[in-house]
Amino acid sequence: MLSSTRGRTRTSAAFLCDVRRGIPEVFGQTAADSPVAGAFLEVFASHPDRESVLDAPGLAEGLLKGCLLLCGPETTPALRFWLEATIGPRVAPHPFPIPFPDWDPATLAPEEMAERARMVLESCPSWIDTSDLTHDLAEEILLREGDPSPDPRRDAGAYRYLFEHQLRGQLELYRRMLFWMASFWQASGDHERGRSALALASQLSDEQHAVPGHPFTVALTTRSLAAAQDNLRAGDDPRRPPRSAGA
C-alpha cells in the first residue's frame, strides 16, 4: 500500500502482490489532501488478522517493481495508472533487492535449520498442503497407527510419497514466499526470523536440498498431515462433496 501527495492532492492505492501472477489487482483513490485522505489504507493495515509493516516505502516499492517482472495478460489495465500516480512516471520492473545483503545464509549450522523452519512455519499458519493426497495419507496414518501423530521416521514412506507427488512441484512457490517474507521481517525489525526465511529460501533454490528430508519439507509435511487429520476428525473431508440438505 502506498500513499503520496502532490500539491494538494493525495493519491493512495493498495496493490495485490502475488508471487506467481505479479500484480493482478489494485484499488486506489485520489482526493484532496487532508488528515482523512487515504484512510482506507490505515483501516486495512489495522485489521487484526493481518501482520503489517508501516512506513516502509522501500519494501513496498521493491515488492511492486519485482512483481512487475511477473505480470502477465491477466494484469489489470489500471495498474500503470496507479503505479505512476503513487511512485512516479519512471517506475519500471526491477529484480527484488536481496534482504540482508551483508549476511551469508551459509554461515548457519545445518543443525539449526529444523528449528528455523519451525519458527517460520509457525509464523505462517496458512502454509500447509490441503490436497486430496495429503488427506489420503493422513487418513491412512490415522487408521494404521496407535499414535496417529505424523512421524517423519515411522511414516518415512508417506513423507516421501507426498513429497514426490505433491510438494516437489511447490518448492519454487515456497522459495519465493520465503524470500518475500525475509524482506518483510527485515523491514519490521524481526531480523532473526527474516534471516531464517532467507536461509531456507537460499537452500530451496539449490537442487541438492530439494529432497523429502530437508528440514523445511519435513516440517511442512508434518504440519500438513496433522492439519488434514484434524479435518478428518472434525468430519471436514474436502475429498467428499458436502451432502445436500435434502439428501
C-alpha atoms as a PDB file:
ATOM      1  CA  MET A   1       0.000   0.000   0.000  1.00  0.00           C
ATOM      2  CA  LEU A   2       1.323   3.403  -0.970  1.00  0.00           C
ATOM      3  CA  SER A   3       0.119   6.951  -0.452  1.00  0.00           C
ATOM      4  CA  SER A   4       1.695  10.058  -1.961  1.00  0.00           C
ATOM      5  CA  THR A   5       0.897  13.760  -2.044  1.00  0.00           C
ATOM      6  CA  ARG A   6       1.455  16.050  -4.998  1.00  0.00           C
ATOM      7  CA  GLY A   7       0.402  19.633  -4.490  1.00  0.00           C
ATOM      8  CA  ARG A   8      -2.972  19.476  -2.777  1.00  0.00           C
ATOM      9  CA  THR A   9      -3.868  16.002  -3.985  1.00  0.00           C
ATOM     10  CA  ARG A  10      -3.384  12.748  -2.080  1.00  0.00           C
ATOM     11  CA  THR A  11      -3.275   9.521  -4.095  1.00  0.00           C
ATOM     12  CA  SER A  12      -3.489   6.212  -2.238  1.00  0.00           C
ATOM     13  CA  ALA A  13      -3.519   2.701  -3.628  1.00  0.00           C
ATOM     14  CA  ALA A  14      -3.461  -0.897  -2.421  1.00  0.00           C
ATOM     15  CA  PHE A  15      -1.752  -3.394  -4.733  1.00  0.00           C
ATOM     16  CA  LEU A  16      -2.245  -7.160  -4.506  1.00  0.00           C
ATOM     17  CA  CYS A  17       1.217  -8.695  -4.951  1.00  0.00           C
ATOM     18  CA  ASP A  18       1.268 -12.362  -5.928  1.00  0.00           C
ATOM     19  CA  VAL A  19       4.448 -14.451  -6.167  1.00  0.00           C
ATOM     20  CA  ARG A  20       3.087 -16.199  -9.271  1.00  0.00           C
ATOM     21  CA  ARG A  21       0.896 -13.659 -11.070  1.00  0.00           C
ATOM     22  CA  GLY A  22       2.603 -10.355 -10.314  1.00  0.00           C
ATOM     23  CA  ILE A  23       0.021  -7.670  -9.526  1.00  0.00           C
ATOM     24  CA  PRO A  24      -3.409  -8.932 -10.617  1.00  0.00           C
ATOM     25  CA  GLU A  25      -5.466  -6.379  -8.670  1.00  0.00           C
ATOM     26  CA  VAL A  26      -5.205  -2.780  -7.500  1.00  0.00           C
ATOM     27  CA  PHE A  27      -7.585  -0.412  -5.757  1.00  0.00           C
ATOM     28  CA  GLY A  28      -6.950   3.297  -5.368  1.00  0.00           C
ATOM     29  CA  GLN A  29      -8.461   6.689  -4.762  1.00  0.00           C
ATOM     30  CA  THR A  30      -7.498  10.295  -5.359  1.00  0.00           C
ATOM     31  CA  ALA A  31      -8.769  13.023  -3.048  1.00  0.00           C
ATOM     32  CA  ALA A  32      -7.959  16.458  -1.768  1.00  0.00           C
ATOM     33  CA  ASP A  33      -5.161  16.175   0.788  1.00  0.00           C
ATOM     34  CA  SER A  34      -6.497  16.125   4.342  1.00  0.00           C
ATOM     35  CA  PRO A  35      -5.988  14.182   7.598  1.00  0.00           C
ATOM     36  CA  VAL A  36      -8.569  11.607   6.433  1.00  0.00           C
ATOM     37  CA  ALA A  37      -7.326  11.208   2.856  1.00  0.00           C
ATOM     38  CA  GLY A  38      -6.219   7.632   2.257  1.00  0.00           C
ATOM     39  CA  ALA A  39      -7.836   6.479   5.485  1.00  0.00           C
ATOM     40  CA  PHE A  40      -8.837   3.170   3.896  1.00  0.00           C
ATOM     41  CA  LEU A  41      -5.165   2.165   3.914  1.00  0.00           C
ATOM     42  CA  GLU A  42      -4.967   2.605   7.683  1.00  0.00           C
ATOM     43  CA  VAL A  43      -8.155   0.586   8.129  1.00  0.00           C
ATOM     44  CA  PHE A  44      -6.688  -2.214   6.018  1.00  0.00           C
ATOM     45  CA  ALA A  45      -3.366  -2.214   7.868  1.00  0.00           C
ATOM     46  CA  SER A  46      -5.025  -2.261  11.292  1.00  0.00           C
ATOM     47  CA  HIS A  47      -7.042  -5.415  10.584  1.00  0.00           C
ATOM     48  CA  PRO A  48      -6.345  -7.844  13.466  1.00  0.00           C
ATOM     49  CA  ASP A  49      -5.857 -10.820  11.107  1.00  0.00           C
ATOM     50  CA  ARG A  50      -3.122  -9.101   9.105  1.00  0.00           C
ATOM     51  CA  GLU A  51       0.510  -8.640  10.022  1.00  0.00           C
ATOM     52  CA  SER A  52       1.675  -5.309   8.665  1.00  0.00           C
ATOM     53  CA  VAL A  53       4.693  -3.039   8.468  1.00  0.00           C
ATOM     54  CA  LEU A  54       4.125   0.710   8.412  1.00  0.00           C
ATOM     55  CA  ASP A  55       6.354   3.420   6.958  1.00  0.00           C
ATOM     56  CA  ALA A  56       8.436   1.038   4.820  1.00  0.00           C
ATOM     57  CA  PRO A  57       8.354   2.645   1.354  1.00  0.00           C
ATOM     58  CA  GLY A  58      11.481   0.790   0.280  1.00  0.00           C
ATOM     59  CA  LEU A  59       9.832  -2.559   0.935  1.00  0.00           C
ATOM     60  CA  ALA A  60       6.612  -1.523  -0.813  1.00  0.00           C
ATOM     61  CA  GLU A  61       8.353  -0.146  -3.897  1.00  0.00           C
ATOM     62  CA  GLY A  62      10.690  -3.133  -4.046  1.00  0.00           C
ATOM     63  CA  LEU A  63       7.758  -5.547  -3.977  1.00  0.00           C
ATOM     64  CA  LEU A  64       5.923  -3.631  -6.673  1.00  0.00           C
ATOM     65  CA  LYS A  65       8.897  -3.340  -9.014  1.00  0.00           C
ATOM     66  CA  GLY A  66       9.753  -7.001  -8.516  1.00  0.00           C
ATOM     67  CA  CYS A  67       6.151  -8.041  -9.174  1.00  0.00           C
ATOM     68  CA  LEU A  68       6.145  -6.137 -12.449  1.00  0.00           C
ATOM     69  CA  LEU A  69       8.555  -8.795 -13.754  1.00  0.00           C
ATOM     70  CA  LEU A  70       5.868 -11.438 -13.084  1.00  0.00           C
ATOM     71  CA  CYS A  71       2.868  -9.659 -14.614  1.00  0.00           C
ATOM     72  CA  GLY A  72       1.040 -11.444 -17.422  1.00  0.00           C
ATOM     73  CA  PRO A  73      -2.038 -10.981 -19.627  1.00  0.00           C
ATOM     74  CA  GLU A  74      -4.414 -11.054 -16.645  1.00  0.00           C
ATOM     75  CA  THR A  75      -2.886  -7.879 -15.182  1.00  0.00           C
ATOM     76  CA  THR A  76      -5.442  -5.138 -14.681  1.00  0.00           C
ATOM     77  CA  PRO A  77      -5.146  -2.203 -17.148  1.00  0.00           C
ATOM     78  CA  ALA A  78      -5.442   0.175 -14.178  1.00  0.00           C
ATOM     79  CA  LEU A  79      -2.090  -0.921 -12.786  1.00  0.00           C
ATOM     80  CA  ARG A  80       0.066   1.520 -14.747  1.00  0.00           C
ATOM     81  CA  PHE A  81      -2.104   4.489 -13.748  1.00  0.00           C
ATOM     82  CA  TRP A  82      -1.889   3.794 -10.008  1.00  0.00           C
ATOM     83  CA  LEU A  83       1.822   2.976 -10.156  1.00  0.00           C
ATOM     84  CA  GLU A  84       2.620   6.270 -11.838  1.00  0.00           C
ATOM     85  CA  ALA A  85       0.247   8.153  -9.528  1.00  0.00           C
ATOM     86  CA  THR A  86       1.936   6.837  -6.366  1.00  0.00           C
ATOM     87  CA  ILE A  87       5.568   6.162  -7.341  1.00  0.00           C
ATOM     88  CA  GLY A  88       6.063   8.304 -10.428  1.00  0.00           C
ATOM     89  CA  PRO A  89       6.125   8.056 -14.226  1.00  0.00           C
ATOM     90  CA  ARG A  90       9.534   6.365 -14.400  1.00  0.00           C
ATOM     91  CA  VAL A  91       8.603   3.254 -12.417  1.00  0.00           C
ATOM     92  CA  ALA A  92       9.927   0.146 -14.147  1.00  0.00           C
ATOM     93  CA  PRO A  93      10.339  -3.571 -13.417  1.00  0.00           C
ATOM     94  CA  HIS A  94      13.388  -4.366 -11.327  1.00  0.00           C
ATOM     95  CA  PRO A  95      14.652  -7.510  -9.569  1.00  0.00           C
ATOM     96  CA  PHE A  96      13.660  -7.526  -5.944  1.00  0.00           C
ATOM     97  CA  PRO A  97      16.566  -6.466  -3.679  1.00  0.00           C
ATOM     98  CA  ILE A  98      18.207  -9.228  -1.657  1.00  0.00           C
ATOM     99  CA  PRO A  99      17.394  -8.879   2.062  1.00  0.00           C
ATOM    100  CA  PHE A 100      20.322  -8.764   4.485  1.00  0.00           C
ATOM    101  CA  PRO A 101      22.877  -8.244   1.665  1.00  0.00           C
ATOM    102  CA  ASP A 102      25.844  -8.243   4.064  1.00  0.00           C
ATOM    103  CA  TRP A 103      24.898 -11.572   5.647  1.00  0.00           C
ATOM    104  CA  ASP A 104      25.704 -15.019   4.237  1.00  0.00           C
ATOM    105  CA  PRO A 105      22.986 -17.651   4.914  1.00  0.00           C
ATOM    106  CA  ALA A 106      25.643 -20.355   4.543  1.00  0.00           C
ATOM    107  CA  THR A 107      27.084 -19.310   7.914  1.00  0.00           C
ATOM    108  CA  LEU A 108      24.179 -21.045   9.689  1.00  0.00           C
ATOM    109  CA  ALA A 109      24.940 -24.505  11.046  1.00  0.00           C
ATOM    110  CA  PRO A 110      22.890 -27.322   9.421  1.00  0.00           C
ATOM    111  CA  GLU A 111      21.561 -28.422  12.802  1.00  0.00           C
ATOM    112  CA  GLU A 112      19.889 -25.022  13.201  1.00  0.00           C
ATOM    113  CA  MET A 113      17.656 -25.375  10.161  1.00  0.00           C
ATOM    114  CA  ALA A 114      14.968 -27.568  11.722  1.00  0.00           C
ATOM    115  CA  GLU A 115      14.259 -25.013  14.439  1.00  0.00           C
ATOM    116  CA  ARG A 116      14.382 -22.151  11.945  1.00  0.00           C
ATOM    117  CA  ALA A 117      11.926 -23.956   9.669  1.00  0.00           C
ATOM    118  CA  ARG A 118       9.591 -24.469  12.632  1.00  0.00           C
ATOM    119  CA  MET A 119       9.884 -20.776  13.547  1.00  0.00           C
ATOM    120  CA  VAL A 120       8.987 -19.610  10.057  1.00  0.00           C
ATOM    121  CA  LEU A 121       6.092 -22.026   9.546  1.00  0.00           C
ATOM    122  CA  GLU A 122       4.566 -21.184  12.921  1.00  0.00           C
ATOM    123  CA  SER A 123       4.529 -17.563  11.764  1.00  0.00           C
ATOM    124  CA  CYS A 124       2.758 -18.539   8.513  1.00  0.00           C
ATOM    125  CA  PRO A 125      -0.098 -20.839   9.640  1.00  0.00           C
ATOM    126  CA  SER A 126      -1.728 -20.917   6.199  1.00  0.00           C
ATOM    127  CA  TRP A 127       1.340 -22.578   4.675  1.00  0.00           C
ATOM    128  CA  ILE A 128       0.027 -26.143   4.554  1.00  0.00           C
ATOM    129  CA  ASP A 129      -0.851 -28.531   1.763  1.00  0.00           C
ATOM    130  CA  THR A 130      -4.577 -29.299   1.648  1.00  0.00           C
ATOM    131  CA  SER A 131      -4.608 -31.656  -1.326  1.00  0.00           C
ATOM    132  CA  ASP A 132      -6.628 -34.861  -1.521  1.00  0.00           C
ATOM    133  CA  LEU A 133      -3.368 -36.803  -1.437  1.00  0.00           C
ATOM    134  CA  THR A 134      -2.436 -35.259   1.899  1.00  0.00           C
ATOM    135  CA  HIS A 135      -5.812 -36.282   3.306  1.00  0.00           C
ATOM    136  CA  ASP A 136      -5.420 -39.805   1.878  1.00  0.00           C
ATOM    137  CA  LEU A 137      -2.079 -40.246   3.645  1.00  0.00           C
ATOM    138  CA  ALA A 138      -3.312 -38.620   6.855  1.00  0.00           C
ATOM    139  CA  GLU A 139      -6.281 -40.976   6.935  1.00  0.00           C
ATOM    140  CA  GLU A 140      -4.028 -43.977   6.372  1.00  0.00           C
ATOM    141  CA  ILE A 141      -1.870 -42.981   9.338  1.00  0.00           C
ATOM    142  CA  LEU A 142      -4.954 -42.447  11.495  1.00  0.00           C
ATOM    143  CA  LEU A 143      -6.247 -45.927  10.714  1.00  0.00           C
ATOM    144  CA  ARG A 144      -2.907 -47.743  10.907  1.00  0.00           C
ATOM    145  CA  GLU A 145      -1.080 -46.332  13.897  1.00  0.00           C
ATOM    146  CA  GLY A 146      -1.846 -46.414  17.601  1.00  0.00           C
ATOM    147  CA  ASP A 147      -0.313 -42.946  17.882  1.00  0.00           C
ATOM    148  CA  PRO A 148      -1.703 -41.199  14.789  1.00  0.00           C
ATOM    149  CA  SER A 149       0.505 -38.094  15.049  1.00  0.00           C
ATOM    150  CA  PRO A 150       2.609 -37.847  11.845  1.00  0.00           C
ATOM    151  CA  ASP A 151       6.168 -39.017  12.463  1.00  0.00           C
ATOM    152  CA  PRO A 152       8.864 -38.430   9.820  1.00  0.00           C
ATOM    153  CA  ARG A 153      10.781 -41.560  10.879  1.00  0.00           C
ATOM    154  CA  ARG A 154       7.934 -44.025  11.334  1.00  0.00           C
ATOM    155  CA  ASP A 155       5.991 -42.639   8.341  1.00  0.00           C
ATOM    156  CA  ALA A 156       9.003 -42.081   6.084  1.00  0.00           C
ATOM    157  CA  GLY A 157       7.239 -43.719   3.146  1.00  0.00           C
ATOM    158  CA  ALA A 158       4.247 -41.405   3.390  1.00  0.00           C
ATOM    159  CA  TYR A 159       6.511 -38.360   3.709  1.00  0.00           C
ATOM    160  CA  ARG A 160       8.491 -39.359   0.618  1.00  0.00           C
ATOM    161  CA  TYR A 161       5.347 -40.160  -1.384  1.00  0.00           C
ATOM    162  CA  LEU A 162       3.747 -36.803  -0.576  1.00  0.00           C
ATOM    163  CA  PHE A 163       6.957 -35.010  -1.493  1.00  0.00           C
ATOM    164  CA  GLU A 164       7.407 -36.789  -4.821  1.00  0.00           C
ATOM    165  CA  HIS A 165       3.773 -36.477  -5.924  1.00  0.00           C
ATOM    166  CA  GLN A 166       2.763 -33.124  -4.450  1.00  0.00           C
ATOM    167  CA  LEU A 167       5.289 -30.969  -2.594  1.00  0.00           C
ATOM    168  CA  ARG A 168       8.228 -31.139  -5.002  1.00  0.00           C
ATOM    169  CA  GLY A 169       6.263 -29.102  -7.536  1.00  0.00           C
ATOM    170  CA  GLN A 170       5.531 -26.433  -4.914  1.00  0.00           C
ATOM    171  CA  LEU A 171       9.083 -25.784  -3.745  1.00  0.00           C
ATOM    172  CA  GLU A 172       9.604 -22.850  -6.104  1.00  0.00           C
ATOM    173  CA  LEU A 173       6.418 -21.233  -4.796  1.00  0.00           C
ATOM    174  CA  TYR A 174       7.577 -21.661  -1.194  1.00  0.00           C
ATOM    175  CA  ARG A 175      11.049 -20.391  -2.097  1.00  0.00           C
ATOM    176  CA  ARG A 176       9.531 -17.172  -3.433  1.00  0.00           C
ATOM    177  CA  MET A 177       7.281 -16.746  -0.414  1.00  0.00           C
ATOM    178  CA  LEU A 178      10.210 -17.336   1.952  1.00  0.00           C
ATOM    179  CA  PHE A 179      12.265 -14.756   0.086  1.00  0.00           C
ATOM    180  CA  TRP A 180       9.500 -12.166   0.337  1.00  0.00           C
ATOM    181  CA  MET A 181       8.867 -12.910   3.999  1.00  0.00           C
ATOM    182  CA  ALA A 182      12.576 -12.419   4.673  1.00  0.00           C
ATOM    183  CA  SER A 183      12.248  -8.875   3.322  1.00  0.00           C
ATOM    184  CA  PHE A 184       9.017  -8.302   5.236  1.00  0.00           C
ATOM    185  CA  TRP A 185      10.554  -9.363   8.536  1.00  0.00           C
ATOM    186  CA  GLN A 186      13.699  -7.368   7.804  1.00  0.00           C
ATOM    187  CA  ALA A 187      11.553  -4.244   7.364  1.00  0.00           C
ATOM    188  CA  SER A 188       9.634  -5.000  10.580  1.00  0.00           C
ATOM    189  CA  GLY A 189      12.867  -5.373  12.561  1.00  0.00           C
ATOM    190  CA  ASP A 190      12.429  -9.127  13.142  1.00  0.00           C
ATOM    191  CA  HIS A 191      15.878  -9.945  11.795  1.00  0.00           C
ATOM    192  CA  GLU A 192      16.190 -13.415  13.312  1.00  0.00           C
ATOM    193  CA  ARG A 193      13.002 -14.587  11.629  1.00  0.00           C
ATOM    194  CA  GLY A 194      13.977 -12.789   8.435  1.00  0.00           C
ATOM    195  CA  ARG A 195      17.379 -14.464   8.281  1.00  0.00           C
ATOM    196  CA  SER A 196      15.736 -17.826   8.905  1.00  0.00           C
ATOM    197  CA  ALA A 197      13.398 -17.303   5.947  1.00  0.00           C
ATOM    198  CA  LEU A 198      16.268 -16.141   3.729  1.00  0.00           C
ATOM    199  CA  ALA A 199      18.411 -19.155   4.656  1.00  0.00           C
ATOM    200  CA  LEU A 200      15.567 -21.544   3.844  1.00  0.00           C
ATOM    201  CA  ALA A 201      14.845 -19.768   0.547  1.00  0.00           C
ATOM    202  CA  SER A 202      18.518 -19.947  -0.367  1.00  0.00           C
ATOM    203  CA  GLN A 203      18.646 -23.677   0.313  1.00  0.00           C
ATOM    204  CA  LEU A 204      15.457 -24.436  -1.595  1.00  0.00           C
ATOM    205  CA  SER A 205      16.959 -22.778  -4.682  1.00  0.00           C
ATOM    206  CA  ASP A 206      19.651 -25.496  -4.680  1.00  0.00           C
ATOM    207  CA  GLU A 207      18.626 -28.805  -6.237  1.00  0.00           C
ATOM    208  CA  GLN A 208      20.543 -30.801  -3.627  1.00  0.00           C
ATOM    209  CA  HIS A 209      18.141 -29.529  -0.980  1.00  0.00           C
ATOM    210  CA  ALA A 210      15.007 -30.442  -2.978  1.00  0.00           C
ATOM    211  CA  VAL A 211      14.581 -33.663  -1.020  1.00  0.00           C
ATOM    212  CA  PRO A 212      11.887 -35.005   1.324  1.00  0.00           C
ATOM    213  CA  GLY A 213      14.318 -34.960   4.248  1.00  0.00           C
ATOM    214  CA  HIS A 214      15.092 -31.230   4.138  1.00  0.00           C
ATOM    215  CA  PRO A 215      14.034 -29.602   7.455  1.00  0.00           C
ATOM    216  CA  PHE A 216      11.591 -27.237   5.751  1.00  0.00           C
ATOM    217  CA  THR A 217       9.970 -30.048   3.750  1.00  0.00           C
ATOM    218  CA  VAL A 218       9.744 -32.283   6.819  1.00  0.00           C
ATOM    219  CA  ALA A 219       8.126 -29.525   8.882  1.00  0.00           C
ATOM    220  CA  LEU A 220       5.719 -28.620   6.062  1.00  0.00           C
ATOM    221  CA  THR A 221       4.726 -32.278   5.591  1.00  0.00           C
ATOM    222  CA  THR A 222       4.170 -32.812   9.317  1.00  0.00           C
ATOM    223  CA  ARG A 223       2.027 -29.679   9.603  1.00  0.00           C
ATOM    224  CA  SER A 224       0.008 -30.581   6.502  1.00  0.00           C
ATOM    225  CA  LEU A 225      -0.671 -34.162   7.609  1.00  0.00           C
ATOM    226  CA  ALA A 226      -1.590 -33.023  11.132  1.00  0.00           C
ATOM    227  CA  ALA A 227      -3.982 -30.387   9.761  1.00  0.00           C
ATOM    228  CA  ALA A 228      -5.583 -32.983   7.476  1.00  0.00           C
ATOM    229  CA  GLN A 229      -6.064 -35.323  10.436  1.00  0.00           C
ATOM    230  CA  ASP A 230      -7.745 -32.521  12.369  1.00  0.00           C
ATOM    231  CA  ASN A 231     -10.092 -32.004   9.413  1.00  0.00           C
ATOM    232  CA  LEU A 232     -10.944 -35.692   9.255  1.00  0.00           C
ATOM    233  CA  ARG A 233     -11.619 -35.911  12.989  1.00  0.00           C
ATOM    234  CA  ALA A 234     -13.968 -32.939  12.684  1.00  0.00           C
ATOM    235  CA  GLY A 235     -15.802 -34.545   9.758  1.00  0.00           C
ATOM    236  CA  ASP A 236     -14.453 -31.978   7.318  1.00  0.00           C
ATOM    237  CA  ASP A 237     -13.260 -34.054   4.374  1.00  0.00           C
ATOM    238  CA  PRO A 238     -12.536 -31.994   1.228  1.00  0.00           C
ATOM    239  CA  ARG A 239     -12.327 -35.192  -0.838  1.00  0.00           C
ATOM    240  CA  ARG A 240     -16.074 -35.711  -0.495  1.00  0.00           C
ATOM    241  CA  PRO A 241     -18.646 -33.119  -1.613  1.00  0.00           C
ATOM    242  CA  PRO A 242     -20.961 -31.879   1.138  1.00  0.00           C
ATOM    243  CA  ARG A 243     -24.313 -33.633   1.276  1.00  0.00           C
ATOM    244  CA  SER A 244     -27.281 -31.551   0.204  1.00  0.00           C
ATOM    245  CA  ALA A 245     -29.900 -30.584   2.769  1.00  0.00           C
ATOM    246  CA  GLY A 246     -32.459 -32.882   1.160  1.00  0.00           C
ATOM    247  CA  ALA A 247     -30.191 -35.920   0.966  1.00  0.00           C
END
